[in-house]
Amino acid sequence: MFYYPVTINQDPETKQFLVEFLDIPNTYSVGDTFDEALLNAADALETAFYYFMQNRQAVPLASPANGRPAVAVPVLIAGKVALHNAMLSSGTRKADLARKLNIAPVLVDRLLSLKHKSKIEQIETALALLDRRLLVDVG
């Protein structure tokens, strides 16, 4: 669900590798090596998530990789994105979630901030209040 497939092509002139996400429109990355391009792609993906969240849009979920290279999202970021999407789909406002969690609204902002190091247990609790569960898959 949070393992985003990409296409990677090498530019014949510059020899740089260009990464394009299949499920996240207009999100690209480059690198001098294949591995560097994938590493930079993780940052590009987080930036794209930030854009969706700031514009109150659902973050598209990943399609199956089907053998293609893919970029894994860190668990904490995946949890925050899942919480964001759950709030949008249920029509839950930040103030509503703050009330359910019995916390100040500013703390909900931190739960949703991709830059804040929230505790994963807090994300799990918030998701549970929205009838969602965070599952981790090790592959």
N, C-alpha and C. Protein backbone atom coordinates (compact mmCIF):
# COMPACT_ATOMS: atom_id res chain seq x y z
N MET A 1 0.82 -1.20 0.00
CA MET A 1 0.00 0.00 0.00
C MET A 1 0.86 1.26 0.00
N PHE A 2 2.03 1.20 0.63
CA PHE A 2 2.92 2.35 0.65
C PHE A 2 4.30 1.98 0.10
N TYR A 3 4.28 1.25 -1.02
CA TYR A 3 5.47 0.83 -1.73
C TYR A 3 5.22 1.21 -3.18
N TYR A 4 5.68 2.40 -3.56
CA TYR A 4 5.30 3.05 -4.81
C TYR A 4 6.21 2.65 -5.97
N PRO A 5 5.64 2.02 -7.00
CA PRO A 5 6.44 1.64 -8.17
C PRO A 5 6.87 2.86 -8.98
N VAL A 6 8.03 2.71 -9.58
CA VAL A 6 8.60 3.80 -10.39
C VAL A 6 9.12 3.25 -11.70
N THR A 7 9.30 4.15 -12.65
CA THR A 7 10.09 3.84 -13.84
C THR A 7 11.37 4.64 -13.73
N ILE A 8 12.45 4.03 -14.15
CA ILE A 8 13.75 4.70 -14.09
C ILE A 8 14.39 4.59 -15.46
N ASN A 9 14.72 5.74 -16.01
CA ASN A 9 15.38 5.79 -17.32
C ASN A 9 16.64 6.62 -17.22
N GLN A 10 17.65 6.22 -17.96
CA GLN A 10 18.89 6.98 -17.98
C GLN A 10 18.91 7.89 -19.20
N ASP A 11 19.19 9.16 -18.94
CA ASP A 11 19.29 10.13 -20.03
C ASP A 11 20.58 9.85 -20.80
N PRO A 12 20.48 9.64 -22.11
CA PRO A 12 21.68 9.30 -22.88
C PRO A 12 22.74 10.40 -22.91
N GLU A 13 22.30 11.64 -22.79
CA GLU A 13 23.26 12.76 -22.86
C GLU A 13 23.93 13.01 -21.51
N THR A 14 23.12 13.17 -20.46
CA THR A 14 23.67 13.53 -19.14
C THR A 14 24.10 12.32 -18.34
N LYS A 15 23.60 11.14 -18.72
CA LYS A 15 23.86 9.88 -18.01
C LYS A 15 23.18 9.83 -16.64
N GLN A 16 22.36 10.85 -16.33
CA GLN A 16 21.62 10.84 -15.08
C GLN A 16 20.42 9.91 -15.19
N PHE A 17 19.99 9.41 -14.04
CA PHE A 17 18.82 8.53 -13.98
C PHE A 17 17.60 9.36 -13.57
N LEU A 18 16.53 9.24 -14.35
CA LEU A 18 15.29 9.96 -14.09
C LEU A 18 14.27 8.97 -13.53
N VAL A 19 13.70 9.33 -12.38
CA VAL A 19 12.69 8.49 -11.72
C VAL A 19 11.33 9.16 -11.87
N GLU A 20 10.34 8.37 -12.27
CA GLU A 20 8.97 8.87 -12.38
C GLU A 20 8.06 7.91 -11.62
N PHE A 21 7.19 8.47 -10.79
CA PHE A 21 6.24 7.67 -10.02
C PHE A 21 5.02 7.38 -10.88
N LEU A 22 4.57 6.14 -10.86
CA LEU A 22 3.43 5.75 -11.67
C LEU A 22 2.10 6.20 -11.06
N ASP A 23 2.05 6.31 -9.74
CA ASP A 23 0.79 6.61 -9.05
C ASP A 23 0.68 8.04 -8.53
N ILE A 24 1.77 8.76 -8.54
CA ILE A 24 1.79 10.13 -8.03
C ILE A 24 2.12 11.05 -9.19
N PRO A 25 1.13 11.77 -9.70
CA PRO A 25 1.36 12.61 -10.87
C PRO A 25 2.39 13.72 -10.63
N ASN A 26 3.14 14.00 -11.67
CA ASN A 26 4.10 15.12 -11.67
C ASN A 26 5.13 15.03 -10.55
N THR A 27 5.53 13.83 -10.22
CA THR A 27 6.55 13.64 -9.19
C THR A 27 7.72 12.91 -9.81
N TYR A 28 8.88 13.57 -9.80
CA TYR A 28 10.07 13.07 -10.46
C TYR A 28 11.27 13.25 -9.55
N SER A 29 12.32 12.53 -9.88
CA SER A 29 13.58 12.68 -9.18
C SER A 29 14.70 12.30 -10.12
N VAL A 30 15.90 12.72 -9.80
CA VAL A 30 17.07 12.36 -10.61
C VAL A 30 18.21 11.97 -9.69
N GLY A 31 19.18 11.30 -10.26
CA GLY A 31 20.39 10.95 -9.53
C GLY A 31 21.48 10.57 -10.51
N ASP A 32 22.72 10.69 -10.06
CA ASP A 32 23.85 10.33 -10.92
C ASP A 32 23.99 8.82 -11.06
N THR A 33 23.48 8.08 -10.08
CA THR A 33 23.48 6.62 -10.13
C THR A 33 22.05 6.13 -9.93
N PHE A 34 21.81 4.87 -10.24
CA PHE A 34 20.50 4.26 -10.05
C PHE A 34 20.10 4.36 -8.57
N ASP A 35 21.02 3.99 -7.67
CA ASP A 35 20.72 4.02 -6.23
C ASP A 35 20.48 5.43 -5.71
N GLU A 36 21.26 6.37 -6.19
CA GLU A 36 21.06 7.77 -5.78
C GLU A 36 19.71 8.29 -6.26
N ALA A 37 19.32 7.90 -7.45
CA ALA A 37 18.02 8.32 -7.98
C ALA A 37 16.88 7.78 -7.12
N LEU A 38 16.97 6.53 -6.68
CA LEU A 38 15.95 5.96 -5.80
C LEU A 38 15.95 6.64 -4.44
N LEU A 39 17.12 6.95 -3.92
CA LEU A 39 17.21 7.64 -2.64
C LEU A 39 16.58 9.03 -2.74
N ASN A 40 16.87 9.75 -3.79
CA ASN A 40 16.27 11.07 -4.00
C ASN A 40 14.77 10.96 -4.24
N ALA A 41 14.34 9.86 -4.81
CA ALA A 41 12.91 9.66 -5.09
C ALA A 41 12.11 9.60 -3.79
N ALA A 42 12.69 9.07 -2.73
CA ALA A 42 11.99 9.02 -1.44
C ALA A 42 11.68 10.44 -0.96
N ASP A 43 12.62 11.36 -1.13
CA ASP A 43 12.39 12.76 -0.75
C ASP A 43 11.33 13.39 -1.64
N ALA A 44 11.37 13.09 -2.92
CA ALA A 44 10.37 13.63 -3.85
C ALA A 44 8.98 13.14 -3.48
N LEU A 45 8.88 11.90 -3.08
CA LEU A 45 7.60 11.32 -2.69
C LEU A 45 7.04 12.02 -1.45
N GLU A 46 7.89 12.26 -0.47
CA GLU A 46 7.46 12.97 0.73
C GLU A 46 7.00 14.38 0.39
N THR A 47 7.68 15.05 -0.51
CA THR A 47 7.28 16.38 -0.94
C THR A 47 5.91 16.34 -1.62
N ALA A 48 5.69 15.34 -2.43
CA ALA A 48 4.39 15.19 -3.10
C ALA A 48 3.29 14.95 -2.07
N PHE A 49 3.56 14.12 -1.07
CA PHE A 49 2.58 13.88 0.00
C PHE A 49 2.23 15.19 0.70
N TYR A 50 3.24 15.98 0.98
CA TYR A 50 3.03 17.27 1.64
C TYR A 50 2.07 18.13 0.80
N TYR A 51 2.29 18.15 -0.52
CA TYR A 51 1.44 18.94 -1.41
C TYR A 51 -0.02 18.47 -1.32
N PHE A 52 -0.24 17.17 -1.43
CA PHE A 52 -1.60 16.64 -1.34
C PHE A 52 -2.25 17.01 -0.01
N MET A 53 -1.49 16.86 1.07
CA MET A 53 -2.05 17.11 2.40
C MET A 53 -2.36 18.60 2.60
N GLN A 54 -1.49 19.46 2.12
CA GLN A 54 -1.72 20.90 2.27
C GLN A 54 -2.93 21.35 1.46
N ASN A 55 -3.21 20.65 0.38
CA ASN A 55 -4.35 21.01 -0.47
C ASN A 55 -5.60 20.19 -0.15
N ARG A 56 -5.56 19.51 0.98
CA ARG A 56 -6.70 18.72 1.46
C ARG A 56 -7.20 17.75 0.40
N GLN A 57 -6.25 17.09 -0.26
CA GLN A 57 -6.56 16.07 -1.25
C GLN A 57 -6.07 14.72 -0.75
N ALA A 58 -6.78 13.69 -1.10
CA ALA A 58 -6.35 12.35 -0.72
C ALA A 58 -5.04 12.01 -1.42
N VAL A 59 -4.15 11.37 -0.70
CA VAL A 59 -2.89 10.91 -1.28
C VAL A 59 -3.18 9.59 -2.01
N PRO A 60 -2.86 9.51 -3.30
CA PRO A 60 -3.11 8.27 -4.03
C PRO A 60 -2.32 7.11 -3.43
N LEU A 61 -2.95 5.95 -3.36
CA LEU A 61 -2.27 4.77 -2.86
C LEU A 61 -1.46 4.12 -3.98
N ALA A 62 -0.50 3.32 -3.60
CA ALA A 62 0.39 2.69 -4.56
C ALA A 62 -0.28 1.50 -5.24
N SER A 63 0.01 1.35 -6.52
CA SER A 63 -0.42 0.16 -7.24
C SER A 63 0.64 -0.93 -7.02
N PRO A 64 0.33 -2.18 -7.35
CA PRO A 64 1.33 -3.24 -7.18
C PRO A 64 2.59 -2.96 -8.01
N ALA A 65 3.74 -3.29 -7.45
CA ALA A 65 5.00 -3.04 -8.14
C ALA A 65 5.19 -3.98 -9.33
N ASN A 66 4.68 -5.19 -9.24
CA ASN A 66 4.78 -6.17 -10.35
C ASN A 66 6.20 -6.27 -10.92
N GLY A 67 7.18 -6.36 -10.04
CA GLY A 67 8.56 -6.53 -10.47
C GLY A 67 9.30 -5.26 -10.81
N ARG A 68 8.60 -4.13 -10.82
CA ARG A 68 9.27 -2.86 -11.11
C ARG A 68 9.99 -2.36 -9.85
N PRO A 69 10.98 -1.49 -10.00
CA PRO A 69 11.58 -0.86 -8.82
C PRO A 69 10.50 -0.07 -8.09
N ALA A 70 10.64 0.05 -6.78
CA ALA A 70 9.65 0.78 -6.00
C ALA A 70 10.32 1.48 -4.84
N VAL A 71 9.65 2.50 -4.35
CA VAL A 71 10.14 3.29 -3.22
C VAL A 71 9.23 3.02 -2.03
N ALA A 72 9.82 2.57 -0.94
CA ALA A 72 9.07 2.30 0.28
C ALA A 72 8.95 3.58 1.10
N VAL A 73 7.78 3.76 1.69
CA VAL A 73 7.53 4.92 2.54
C VAL A 73 7.81 4.52 3.98
N PRO A 74 8.56 5.33 4.75
CA PRO A 74 8.78 5.00 6.16
C PRO A 74 7.45 4.84 6.91
N VAL A 75 7.45 3.96 7.90
CA VAL A 75 6.22 3.63 8.63
C VAL A 75 5.54 4.87 9.19
N LEU A 76 6.29 5.78 9.79
CA LEU A 76 5.68 6.96 10.39
C LEU A 76 5.00 7.83 9.33
N ILE A 77 5.65 8.01 8.20
CA ILE A 77 5.06 8.80 7.10
C ILE A 77 3.81 8.09 6.58
N ALA A 78 3.90 6.77 6.41
CA ALA A 78 2.74 6.00 5.94
C ALA A 78 1.57 6.16 6.91
N GLY A 79 1.85 6.14 8.19
CA GLY A 79 0.79 6.31 9.19
C GLY A 79 0.14 7.68 9.11
N LYS A 80 0.95 8.70 8.93
CA LYS A 80 0.42 10.06 8.84
C LYS A 80 -0.43 10.24 7.58
N VAL A 81 0.04 9.67 6.48
CA VAL A 81 -0.72 9.75 5.23
C VAL A 81 -2.03 8.97 5.38
N ALA A 82 -1.96 7.80 5.99
CA ALA A 82 -3.17 7.00 6.21
C ALA A 82 -4.16 7.76 7.10
N LEU A 83 -3.67 8.45 8.11
CA LEU A 83 -4.54 9.24 8.98
C LEU A 83 -5.18 10.38 8.19
N HIS A 84 -4.38 11.06 7.41
CA HIS A 84 -4.89 12.15 6.56
C HIS A 84 -6.01 11.64 5.65
N ASN A 85 -5.74 10.53 4.93
CA ASN A 85 -6.73 9.97 4.02
C ASN A 85 -7.98 9.52 4.77
N ALA A 86 -7.81 8.93 5.95
CA ALA A 86 -8.95 8.48 6.75
C ALA A 86 -9.80 9.66 7.20
N MET A 87 -9.17 10.75 7.58
CA MET A 87 -9.91 11.94 8.00
C MET A 87 -10.71 12.49 6.83
N LEU A 88 -10.10 12.56 5.65
CA LEU A 88 -10.81 13.06 4.47
C LEU A 88 -12.00 12.16 4.12
N SER A 89 -11.78 10.86 4.09
CA SER A 89 -12.84 9.96 3.66
C SER A 89 -13.99 9.89 4.66
N SER A 90 -13.70 10.15 5.94
CA SER A 90 -14.76 10.10 6.95
C SER A 90 -15.37 11.47 7.24
N GLY A 91 -14.79 12.52 6.64
CA GLY A 91 -15.28 13.87 6.89
C GLY A 91 -14.92 14.40 8.28
N THR A 92 -13.89 13.82 8.87
CA THR A 92 -13.45 14.22 10.21
C THR A 92 -12.53 15.43 10.11
N ARG A 93 -12.89 16.48 10.82
CA ARG A 93 -12.04 17.68 10.86
C ARG A 93 -11.00 17.53 11.97
N LYS A 94 -9.96 18.35 11.92
CA LYS A 94 -8.93 18.32 12.95
C LYS A 94 -9.52 18.55 14.33
N ALA A 95 -10.45 19.49 14.44
CA ALA A 95 -11.08 19.77 15.73
C ALA A 95 -11.85 18.56 16.24
N ASP A 96 -12.51 17.84 15.33
CA ASP A 96 -13.24 16.63 15.72
C ASP A 96 -12.29 15.57 16.27
N LEU A 97 -11.18 15.37 15.57
CA LEU A 97 -10.21 14.37 16.02
C LEU A 97 -9.59 14.79 17.34
N ALA A 98 -9.30 16.07 17.50
CA ALA A 98 -8.74 16.56 18.77
C ALA A 98 -9.69 16.26 19.92
N ARG A 99 -10.96 16.47 19.68
CA ARG A 99 -11.97 16.21 20.71
C ARG A 99 -12.01 14.72 21.05
N LYS A 100 -11.99 13.87 20.02
CA LYS A 100 -12.02 12.42 20.24
C LYS A 100 -10.78 11.94 21.00
N LEU A 101 -9.63 12.55 20.70
CA LEU A 101 -8.39 12.16 21.36
C LEU A 101 -8.17 12.87 22.69
N ASN A 102 -9.02 13.87 22.97
CA ASN A 102 -8.90 14.68 24.18
C ASN A 102 -7.53 15.38 24.24
N ILE A 103 -7.17 16.00 23.11
CA ILE A 103 -5.92 16.75 23.02
C ILE A 103 -6.20 18.10 22.37
N ALA A 104 -5.24 19.00 22.47
CA ALA A 104 -5.36 20.31 21.84
C ALA A 104 -5.27 20.17 20.32
N PRO A 105 -6.02 20.98 19.58
CA PRO A 105 -5.97 20.91 18.11
C PRO A 105 -4.57 21.04 17.52
N VAL A 106 -3.70 21.80 18.16
CA VAL A 106 -2.33 21.96 17.65
C VAL A 106 -1.61 20.62 17.65
N LEU A 107 -1.98 19.72 18.56
CA LEU A 107 -1.34 18.41 18.59
C LEU A 107 -1.79 17.53 17.43
N VAL A 108 -3.00 17.76 16.93
CA VAL A 108 -3.45 17.04 15.72
C VAL A 108 -2.62 17.53 14.52
N ASP A 109 -2.33 18.82 14.48
CA ASP A 109 -1.46 19.35 13.42
C ASP A 109 -0.12 18.62 13.42
N ARG A 110 0.41 18.37 14.61
CA ARG A 110 1.70 17.67 14.72
C ARG A 110 1.57 16.22 14.28
N LEU A 111 0.43 15.59 14.60
CA LEU A 111 0.21 14.21 14.18
C LEU A 111 0.22 14.09 12.66
N LEU A 112 -0.26 15.13 11.99
CA LEU A 112 -0.34 15.11 10.53
C LEU A 112 0.90 15.69 9.84
N SER A 113 1.75 16.37 10.59
CA SER A 113 2.94 16.98 10.00
C SER A 113 3.97 15.92 9.64
N LEU A 114 4.40 15.91 8.38
CA LEU A 114 5.38 14.94 7.94
C LEU A 114 6.77 15.21 8.51
N LYS A 115 6.98 16.39 9.02
CA LYS A 115 8.28 16.76 9.58
C LYS A 115 8.36 16.50 11.09
N HIS A 116 7.22 16.34 11.75
CA HIS A 116 7.20 16.13 13.20
C HIS A 116 7.38 14.65 13.52
N LYS A 117 8.21 14.36 14.47
CA LYS A 117 8.49 12.98 14.87
C LYS A 117 7.47 12.50 15.89
N SER A 118 6.27 12.25 15.45
CA SER A 118 5.21 11.74 16.32
C SER A 118 5.52 10.32 16.74
N LYS A 119 4.88 9.89 17.80
CA LYS A 119 4.99 8.50 18.21
C LYS A 119 3.98 7.70 17.40
N ILE A 120 4.43 6.56 16.89
CA ILE A 120 3.57 5.74 16.04
C ILE A 120 2.33 5.28 16.80
N GLU A 121 2.43 5.13 18.12
CA GLU A 121 1.28 4.73 18.93
C GLU A 121 0.17 5.79 18.88
N GLN A 122 0.55 7.05 18.79
CA GLN A 122 -0.44 8.12 18.69
C GLN A 122 -1.18 8.05 17.36
N ILE A 123 -0.45 7.73 16.30
CA ILE A 123 -1.06 7.58 14.98
C ILE A 123 -2.02 6.39 15.01
N GLU A 124 -1.59 5.29 15.60
CA GLU A 124 -2.44 4.10 15.69
C GLU A 124 -3.73 4.40 16.45
N THR A 125 -3.62 5.13 17.53
CA THR A 125 -4.80 5.48 18.33
C THR A 125 -5.76 6.35 17.52
N ALA A 126 -5.22 7.35 16.83
CA ALA A 126 -6.05 8.23 16.01
C ALA A 126 -6.73 7.44 14.90
N LEU A 127 -6.00 6.54 14.26
CA LEU A 127 -6.59 5.71 13.21
C LEU A 127 -7.69 4.81 13.77
N ALA A 128 -7.47 4.27 14.95
CA ALA A 128 -8.48 3.40 15.57
C ALA A 128 -9.77 4.15 15.82
N LEU A 129 -9.67 5.42 16.19
CA LEU A 129 -10.86 6.24 16.41
C LEU A 129 -11.63 6.47 15.11
N LEU A 130 -10.96 6.29 13.98
CA LEU A 130 -11.59 6.43 12.67
C LEU A 130 -11.87 5.06 12.04
N ASP A 131 -11.86 4.03 12.89
CA ASP A 131 -12.12 2.65 12.46
C ASP A 131 -11.11 2.15 11.43
N ARG A 132 -9.86 2.53 11.61
CA ARG A 132 -8.78 2.08 10.72
C ARG A 132 -7.69 1.45 11.58
N ARG A 133 -6.88 0.61 10.96
CA ARG A 133 -5.75 0.01 11.63
C ARG A 133 -4.51 0.18 10.77
N LEU A 134 -3.40 0.39 11.42
CA LEU A 134 -2.11 0.48 10.72
C LEU A 134 -1.47 -0.90 10.75
N LEU A 135 -1.23 -1.47 9.58
CA LEU A 135 -0.61 -2.79 9.48
C LEU A 135 0.77 -2.62 8.87
N VAL A 136 1.74 -3.35 9.39
CA VAL A 136 3.10 -3.31 8.87
C VAL A 136 3.39 -4.65 8.22
N ASP A 137 3.95 -4.62 7.03
CA ASP A 137 4.30 -5.83 6.30
C ASP A 137 5.80 -5.84 6.08
N VAL A 138 6.43 -6.91 6.44
CA VAL A 138 7.86 -7.04 6.23
C VAL A 138 8.08 -7.96 5.05
N GLY A 139 8.75 -7.46 4.03
CA GLY A 139 8.94 -8.27 2.84
C GLY A 139 10.36 -8.39 2.44
